[in-house]
């Protein structure tokens, strides 16, 4: 199946890929806590789990060409979700990735941009509805789209998305955001309506016990009782290549 990247953004943004993210935060982590370092970046166990779970991953039920749109987290790019996207294509899903070239301090603008491009995507590919997978703060954009109702979203899956405006980010993530000039508290305060939106579509929340960027409990959906929560062993950075995360996403997609 072909993969489409939605382009056309002219707004400036501090775009940082995964490798740069690890290099920048490394110094902050080692200064702040040895534990934080091991939890987030010395996590080869996530890759090891892929090896041991590989037979099960290959045997997961396949899709039937249903469209899945992947929305990366802020301060990263679409490459962050490329491996996950390849896996979903292997499972016979049509995968579309969003190239996020915008500023992290303009959440409402980003939602409008995504909304217009999703409408264009659905028209060009004759899609009746889409499944959305949002990573980190990208999950907030997905929730906003689902709440607006202008784009038919079949299912929403979020990975480590902060949903508690009052106490979501760790001191490590705040320190990192401050270093690149982003006020996370202000950003999330502006998203209060999004985080508290009542949604009727199926919701899957995946969060990690070793998340050193977003407080695990803050990723739980406390406003939609029907949301399914899945607690996994892993870290925030490694959400995208964690075998249990892949299994949970695949299982959620086939049950809706």
Foldseek 3Di string as FASTA:
>chain_A
DDEAEDDDDDAAEQAAALVRVCVVLVVVDVVVDPLLCCQAPVPCVQVVQCVVCVVVLLVFAADAAAEEEEFEDPNHFQVLQVVVQVSNVSSVYHYYYYGDRHYLQPLVVVLVVVLVRLVVVCVVVVHPEHEYEYAECRLLSVLVNQLVPPGHHQEGEYELYFLALPAWFAPSQCVVCVVVPHHVSSSSVVSNCSSQGEGDHAYEFEYEPSENTTHRVRSDRPNYVRYHYDYDHGYSSCCSRGPVNSSVVSVVVVVD
